[in-house]
Amino acid sequence: MFAVTVTFTIHDGKMEAFLPLIRKNAQASVANEPGCQQFDVCTDPDRPGQVFLYELYDDEAAFEAHQQMPHFKATGPAVADLVADKELRTFSTVQR
């Protein structure tokens, strides 16, 4: 598995515009990408300006394919003015 986490900090007053766009991207990823196994959009009432994404892919190549999908390419420009900061991290399964 290849895990991706993304933490977005959203500009004040922009959360209602951001969430439907990122949810649409998540739904399209799971529905249309065989290598995308999970894509969760998470919020926490104690951190009202943050959105956390947790994504699981079969491997790094599946994540790279995700980044070439039309829904992914459309989401970036659509949310750019809504996002104050973005932190992306990736993790690979440790082989036993």
Protein backbone atom coordinates (compact mmCIF):
# COMPACT_ATOMS: atom_id res chain seq x y z
CA MET A 1 0.00 0.00 0.00
CA PHE A 2 0.95 3.62 -0.55
CA ALA A 3 -0.63 6.13 1.85
CA VAL A 4 -1.02 9.82 1.21
CA THR A 5 -2.00 12.39 3.82
CA VAL A 6 -2.80 15.98 3.01
CA THR A 7 -3.57 18.70 5.53
CA PHE A 8 -5.20 21.81 4.12
CA THR A 9 -5.53 25.08 6.00
CA ILE A 10 -8.51 26.88 4.53
CA HIS A 11 -8.90 30.65 4.36
CA ASP A 12 -11.47 32.07 6.80
CA GLY A 13 -14.99 31.85 5.43
CA LYS A 14 -14.04 29.50 2.57
CA MET A 15 -14.74 26.07 4.10
CA GLU A 16 -18.27 25.82 2.65
CA ALA A 17 -16.86 26.39 -0.83
CA PHE A 18 -13.91 24.02 -0.33
CA LEU A 19 -15.58 20.91 1.08
CA PRO A 20 -17.91 20.08 -1.85
CA LEU A 21 -15.01 20.38 -4.30
CA ILE A 22 -12.68 18.11 -2.33
CA ARG A 23 -15.45 15.59 -1.65
CA LYS A 24 -16.21 15.42 -5.37
CA ASN A 25 -12.52 14.71 -6.05
CA ALA A 26 -12.48 11.99 -3.37
CA GLN A 27 -15.62 10.32 -4.72
CA ALA A 28 -14.34 10.38 -8.31
CA SER A 29 -11.01 8.93 -7.19
CA VAL A 30 -12.57 5.92 -5.47
CA ALA A 31 -15.15 5.38 -8.23
CA ASN A 32 -12.89 5.82 -11.27
CA GLU A 33 -9.40 4.75 -10.21
CA PRO A 34 -8.83 1.01 -9.72
CA GLY A 35 -5.65 1.74 -7.75
CA CYS A 36 -7.35 4.08 -5.25
CA GLN A 37 -8.61 1.95 -2.36
CA GLN A 38 -9.67 4.68 0.07
CA PHE A 39 -10.01 8.46 0.08
CA ASP A 40 -11.34 10.04 3.27
CA VAL A 41 -12.06 13.74 3.77
CA CYS A 42 -11.88 14.54 7.49
CA THR A 43 -12.53 17.58 9.66
CA ASP A 44 -12.30 18.22 13.40
CA PRO A 45 -14.48 20.75 15.24
CA ASP A 46 -11.46 21.68 17.36
CA ARG A 47 -9.62 22.72 14.17
CA PRO A 48 -12.30 24.51 12.14
CA GLY A 49 -9.94 25.79 9.46
CA GLN A 50 -8.33 22.44 8.59
CA VAL A 51 -9.23 19.55 6.33
CA PHE A 52 -7.31 16.27 6.48
CA LEU A 53 -7.24 13.81 3.59
CA TYR A 54 -6.30 10.17 4.05
CA GLU A 55 -5.76 8.29 0.79
CA LEU A 56 -4.70 4.68 0.16
CA TYR A 57 -3.38 3.49 -3.20
CA ASP A 58 -2.16 0.11 -4.37
CA ASP A 59 1.30 1.58 -4.93
CA GLU A 60 3.12 4.78 -5.82
CA ALA A 61 2.31 4.29 -9.51
CA ALA A 62 -1.42 4.33 -8.69
CA PHE A 63 -0.94 7.65 -6.86
CA GLU A 64 0.96 9.04 -9.83
CA ALA A 65 -1.91 7.93 -12.10
CA HIS A 66 -4.34 9.69 -9.72
CA GLN A 67 -2.46 12.94 -10.29
CA GLN A 68 -3.08 12.65 -14.04
CA MET A 69 -6.84 12.16 -13.77
CA PRO A 70 -9.11 14.93 -15.08
CA HIS A 71 -10.94 15.27 -11.74
CA PHE A 72 -7.62 15.76 -9.92
CA LYS A 73 -6.37 18.30 -12.45
CA ALA A 74 -9.64 20.25 -12.20
CA THR A 75 -9.67 20.33 -8.40
CA GLY A 76 -6.35 22.13 -7.91
CA PRO A 77 -7.28 25.32 -9.76
CA ALA A 78 -10.82 25.23 -8.33
CA VAL A 79 -9.58 25.29 -4.72
CA ALA A 80 -6.40 27.35 -5.13
CA ASP A 81 -7.90 30.61 -3.85
CA LEU A 82 -9.59 28.82 -0.93
CA VAL A 83 -6.41 27.25 0.49
CA ALA A 84 -3.98 29.13 2.74
CA ASP A 85 -1.58 26.19 3.17
CA LYS A 86 -1.19 22.57 2.09
CA GLU A 87 1.05 19.85 3.53
CA LEU A 88 1.33 16.54 1.64
CA ARG A 89 3.08 13.47 3.01
CA THR A 90 3.47 9.98 1.59
CA PHE A 91 4.13 6.67 3.28
CA SER A 92 4.97 3.25 1.89
CA THR A 93 4.28 -0.08 3.50
CA VAL A 94 7.31 -1.43 5.34
CA GLN A 95 8.26 -4.80 3.92
CA ARG A 96 8.51 -7.61 6.44
